[in-house]
Amino acid sequence: MKRLCFLHATLSSFSFNLGILRFLYFMASLGNHNNNEVNDIEAKQNQTQDTEENNIDYSKRAQWLRAALLGANDGLVSITSLILGVGAVHEDIKTMLLAGFAGLIAGACSMGIGEFVSVYTQFDIMVAQMKRENKINSTFVEEEKQLLPNPFQAAIASAIAFSFGATVPLLGAALVRDYKIRLFVVVGMASFALLVFGGVGAILGKTSVKMSCVRVVVGGWMAMAITFGLTKFVGYSSL
């Protein structure tokens, strides 16, 4: 009888312990399941973020970025070269500033109108090509039109960017009275601005910052040197 009671107690204890083990295993499985769900959710979120980042249309960004950077770089290089060209034959600060200001107004208008015409010309060429291929319909035309930048926004951005870039050498020329120092200051400020424009363009366009800066700065120096040298040569020759 005592053996039966002992055996019964042992079996009961074993059953109780087995129940506890099952409960603990269930809780552990549930915890692992929850952890797996959390990990799956985090993985899906990370995958979604990576997909969204990879799906960013840099071509649309490149369109307005090209107009803005081209306008700023053109304004900076052209007005700097113009001031240096005038300064090669005239040391008068008023003459240099008037020439630079006239170039700013003319260049901003030219860049704005040119960008406006360029966008519409690009769209007309695209539509004409689709007509030749007999693939044109109103819905498709609207979809393709959305891929192009707004011509008014592109024109305004280009004109403002040109004016902003042209202001840098004008300020440099206006702040210095000495002729030789004025030329060095204009070139120095223009070089620094070209370096900044190249870096900003590379960062926004996700390209190499070093190569972009080198291209922009070296190109600007070449334009300045050619303008100054040829103007100096023509001004002091018998041509």
Protein backbone atom coordinates (compact mmCIF):
# COMPACT_ATOMS: atom_id res chain seq x y z
CA MET A 1 0.00 0.00 0.00
CA LYS A 2 2.83 2.37 0.90
CA ARG A 3 4.57 1.45 -2.35
CA LEU A 4 1.41 2.25 -4.30
CA CYS A 5 1.09 5.60 -2.55
CA PHE A 6 4.74 6.36 -3.20
CA LEU A 7 4.37 5.35 -6.85
CA HIS A 8 1.24 7.46 -7.18
CA ALA A 9 2.98 10.45 -5.62
CA THR A 10 5.97 9.96 -7.89
CA LEU A 11 3.77 9.77 -10.98
CA SER A 12 1.84 12.83 -9.87
CA SER A 13 5.06 14.76 -9.31
CA PHE A 14 6.37 13.62 -12.67
CA SER A 15 3.13 14.65 -14.36
CA PHE A 16 3.26 18.03 -12.63
CA ASN A 17 6.87 18.56 -13.66
CA LEU A 18 6.06 17.45 -17.17
CA GLY A 19 3.21 19.96 -17.25
CA ILE A 20 5.54 22.70 -16.09
CA LEU A 21 8.06 21.73 -18.76
CA ARG A 22 5.36 21.80 -21.41
CA PHE A 23 4.19 25.19 -20.18
CA LEU A 24 7.73 26.54 -20.20
CA TYR A 25 8.31 25.08 -23.67
CA PHE A 26 5.07 26.66 -24.86
CA MET A 27 6.06 30.04 -23.45
CA ALA A 28 9.51 29.76 -24.96
CA SER A 29 8.02 28.81 -28.31
CA LEU A 30 5.61 31.71 -28.05
CA GLY A 31 8.47 34.07 -27.23
CA ASN A 32 10.50 32.76 -30.13
CA HIS A 33 7.47 33.12 -32.38
CA ASN A 34 6.96 36.70 -31.25
CA ASN A 35 10.64 37.42 -31.70
CA ASN A 36 10.49 35.92 -35.17
CA GLU A 37 7.47 38.06 -35.98
CA VAL A 38 9.26 41.17 -34.71
CA ASN A 39 12.34 40.26 -36.70
CA ASP A 40 10.22 39.63 -39.79
CA ILE A 41 8.48 42.99 -39.35
CA GLU A 42 11.80 44.79 -38.90
CA ALA A 43 13.25 43.00 -41.91
CA LYS A 44 10.22 43.95 -44.01
CA GLN A 45 10.49 47.57 -42.85
CA ASN A 46 14.18 47.68 -43.69
CA GLN A 47 13.48 46.06 -47.04
CA THR A 48 10.73 48.59 -47.71
CA GLN A 49 13.01 51.48 -46.81
CA ASP A 50 15.76 50.10 -49.03
CA THR A 51 13.27 49.60 -51.85
CA GLU A 52 11.92 53.12 -51.47
CA GLU A 53 15.45 54.52 -51.46
CA ASN A 54 16.38 52.47 -54.51
CA ASN A 55 13.19 53.53 -56.28
CA ILE A 56 13.94 57.25 -55.95
CA ASP A 57 13.82 58.70 -59.42
CA TYR A 58 17.09 60.59 -59.63
CA SER A 59 16.33 61.44 -63.26
CA LYS A 60 13.65 63.92 -62.18
CA ARG A 61 16.03 65.38 -59.63
CA ALA A 62 18.73 65.56 -62.29
CA GLN A 63 16.54 67.70 -64.55
CA TRP A 64 16.05 70.61 -62.17
CA LEU A 65 19.49 70.06 -60.66
CA ARG A 66 21.06 70.36 -64.10
CA ALA A 67 19.22 73.63 -64.79
CA ALA A 68 20.13 75.17 -61.42
CA LEU A 69 23.79 74.11 -61.39
CA LEU A 70 24.27 74.99 -65.04
CA GLY A 71 22.81 78.44 -64.43
CA ALA A 72 24.91 79.10 -61.33
CA ASN A 73 28.10 77.78 -62.89
CA ASP A 74 27.49 79.69 -66.12
CA GLY A 75 26.79 82.93 -64.27
CA LEU A 76 29.87 82.55 -62.11
CA VAL A 77 32.29 81.63 -64.91
CA SER A 78 30.95 83.97 -67.59
CA ILE A 79 30.77 87.09 -65.41
CA THR A 80 34.14 86.35 -63.81
CA SER A 81 35.65 85.92 -67.26
CA LEU A 82 33.93 89.09 -68.46
CA ILE A 83 35.28 91.12 -65.54
CA LEU A 84 38.77 89.71 -66.09
CA GLY A 85 38.53 90.38 -69.82
CA VAL A 86 37.54 94.01 -69.29
CA GLY A 87 40.14 94.31 -66.55
CA ALA A 88 42.81 93.09 -68.94
CA VAL A 89 42.55 96.36 -70.91
CA HIS A 90 40.86 98.77 -68.45
CA GLU A 91 41.83 99.17 -64.81
CA ASP A 92 38.83 101.39 -64.02
CA ILE A 93 36.59 99.70 -61.44
CA LYS A 94 33.45 101.41 -62.75
CA THR A 95 33.97 99.99 -66.23
CA MET A 96 34.50 96.50 -64.86
CA LEU A 97 31.38 96.65 -62.66
CA LEU A 98 29.17 98.05 -65.44
CA ALA A 99 30.32 95.35 -67.82
CA GLY A 100 29.71 92.68 -65.20
CA PHE A 101 26.25 94.00 -64.32
CA ALA A 102 25.25 94.18 -67.99
CA GLY A 103 26.45 90.61 -68.40
CA LEU A 104 24.39 89.54 -65.37
CA ILE A 105 21.16 90.97 -66.80
CA ALA A 106 21.76 89.66 -70.31
CA GLY A 107 22.88 86.25 -69.10
CA ALA A 108 19.96 85.75 -66.70
CA CYS A 109 17.45 86.58 -69.45
CA SER A 110 19.28 84.35 -71.91
CA MET A 111 19.44 81.40 -69.52
CA GLY A 112 15.79 81.69 -68.51
CA ILE A 113 14.47 81.96 -72.06
CA GLY A 114 16.85 79.28 -73.29
CA GLU A 115 15.74 76.82 -70.61
CA PHE A 116 12.06 77.56 -71.33
CA VAL A 117 12.53 76.94 -75.05
CA SER A 118 14.65 73.85 -74.41
CA VAL A 119 12.01 72.12 -72.29
CA TYR A 120 9.23 72.74 -74.80
CA THR A 121 11.46 71.70 -77.70
CA GLN A 122 12.28 68.46 -75.92
CA PHE A 123 8.57 67.73 -75.48
CA ASP A 124 7.75 68.58 -79.12
CA ILE A 125 10.48 66.25 -80.36
CA MET A 126 9.16 63.46 -78.15
CA VAL A 127 5.59 63.90 -79.39
CA ALA A 128 6.72 64.02 -83.03
CA GLN A 129 8.67 60.80 -82.58
CA MET A 130 5.63 59.05 -81.09
CA LYS A 131 3.47 60.27 -83.98
CA ARG A 132 5.89 58.78 -86.47
CA GLU A 133 5.70 55.47 -84.62
CA ASN A 134 1.88 55.62 -84.42
CA LYS A 135 2.00 55.10 -80.67
CA ILE A 136 0.50 58.36 -79.55
CA ASN A 137 -2.61 58.82 -77.44
CA SER A 138 -3.73 61.51 -75.04
CA THR A 139 -3.06 59.45 -71.90
CA PHE A 140 0.43 58.48 -73.00
CA VAL A 141 1.25 62.07 -73.93
CA GLU A 142 0.24 63.28 -70.47
CA GLU A 143 2.33 60.57 -68.83
CA GLU A 144 5.37 61.50 -70.90
CA LYS A 145 4.79 65.18 -70.21
CA GLN A 146 4.97 64.51 -66.48
CA LEU A 147 8.53 63.24 -66.95
CA LEU A 148 9.66 66.66 -68.16
CA PRO A 149 10.36 69.57 -65.81
CA ASN A 150 7.94 72.44 -65.65
CA PRO A 151 9.21 74.94 -68.25
CA PHE A 152 8.31 77.98 -66.15
CA GLN A 153 9.98 76.56 -63.04
CA ALA A 154 13.05 75.55 -65.04
CA ALA A 155 13.30 79.03 -66.60
CA ILE A 156 12.95 80.84 -63.27
CA ALA A 157 15.38 78.49 -61.51
CA SER A 158 17.95 78.91 -64.26
CA ALA A 159 17.68 82.72 -64.29
CA ILE A 160 17.90 82.99 -60.50
CA ALA A 161 20.82 80.56 -60.35
CA PHE A 162 22.68 82.53 -63.03
CA SER A 163 22.13 85.77 -61.14
CA PHE A 164 23.31 84.17 -57.90
CA GLY A 165 26.48 82.88 -59.53
CA ALA A 166 27.16 86.20 -61.27
CA THR A 167 26.85 88.12 -58.00
CA VAL A 168 29.97 86.47 -56.54
CA PRO A 169 32.58 88.05 -58.86
CA LEU A 170 30.70 91.38 -58.86
CA LEU A 171 30.95 91.56 -55.08
CA GLY A 172 34.62 90.65 -55.21
CA ALA A 173 35.32 93.39 -57.73
CA ALA A 174 33.30 96.01 -55.85
CA LEU A 175 35.00 95.44 -52.49
CA VAL A 176 38.60 96.00 -53.64
CA ARG A 177 39.99 99.23 -55.07
CA ASP A 178 43.49 98.15 -56.01
CA TYR A 179 43.57 96.80 -59.58
CA LYS A 180 45.87 93.79 -59.15
CA ILE A 181 44.43 92.76 -55.79
CA ARG A 182 40.94 93.09 -57.29
CA LEU A 183 41.74 90.58 -60.01
CA PHE A 184 43.18 88.09 -57.50
CA VAL A 185 40.15 88.49 -55.21
CA VAL A 186 37.72 87.94 -58.09
CA VAL A 187 39.53 84.78 -59.19
CA GLY A 188 39.80 83.52 -55.60
CA MET A 189 36.13 84.05 -54.80
CA ALA A 190 35.08 82.50 -58.10
CA SER A 191 37.30 79.45 -57.49
CA PHE A 192 35.85 78.92 -54.02
CA ALA A 193 32.30 79.24 -55.35
CA LEU A 194 33.06 76.77 -58.15
CA LEU A 195 34.36 74.33 -55.54
CA VAL A 196 31.14 74.70 -53.55
CA PHE A 197 28.92 74.31 -56.62
CA GLY A 198 30.78 71.18 -57.68
CA GLY A 199 30.48 69.64 -54.22
CA VAL A 200 26.79 70.45 -53.83
CA GLY A 201 26.00 69.07 -57.26
CA ALA A 202 27.85 65.84 -56.50
CA ILE A 203 26.11 65.38 -53.14
CA LEU A 204 22.63 65.98 -54.55
CA GLY A 205 23.30 63.82 -57.58
CA LYS A 206 24.96 61.00 -55.57
CA THR A 207 28.21 61.17 -57.57
CA SER A 208 31.90 61.53 -56.76
CA VAL A 209 32.50 64.82 -54.92
CA LYS A 210 36.21 64.89 -55.73
CA MET A 211 35.82 64.42 -59.47
CA SER A 212 32.93 66.86 -59.68
CA CYS A 213 34.89 69.59 -57.89
CA VAL A 214 37.94 69.03 -60.07
CA ARG A 215 35.90 69.23 -63.28
CA VAL A 216 34.08 72.40 -62.29
CA VAL A 217 37.11 74.25 -60.93
CA VAL A 218 39.48 73.33 -63.78
CA GLY A 219 36.85 74.20 -66.37
CA GLY A 220 36.29 77.58 -64.75
CA TRP A 221 40.01 78.32 -64.63
CA MET A 222 40.36 77.47 -68.31
CA ALA A 223 37.55 79.86 -69.26
CA MET A 224 39.02 82.67 -67.15
CA ALA A 225 42.54 82.19 -68.50
CA ILE A 226 41.44 82.05 -72.13
CA THR A 227 39.25 85.14 -71.81
CA PHE A 228 41.89 87.17 -69.99
CA GLY A 229 44.70 86.08 -72.31
CA LEU A 230 42.89 86.67 -75.60
CA THR A 231 41.48 90.02 -74.47
CA LYS A 232 44.91 91.11 -73.31
CA PHE A 233 46.39 90.05 -76.64
CA VAL A 234 43.74 91.81 -78.74
CA GLY A 235 43.81 94.93 -76.58
CA TYR A 236 47.55 95.46 -76.87
CA SER A 237 48.00 94.31 -80.46
CA SER A 238 47.46 96.12 -83.72
CA LEU A 239 44.46 93.94 -84.67
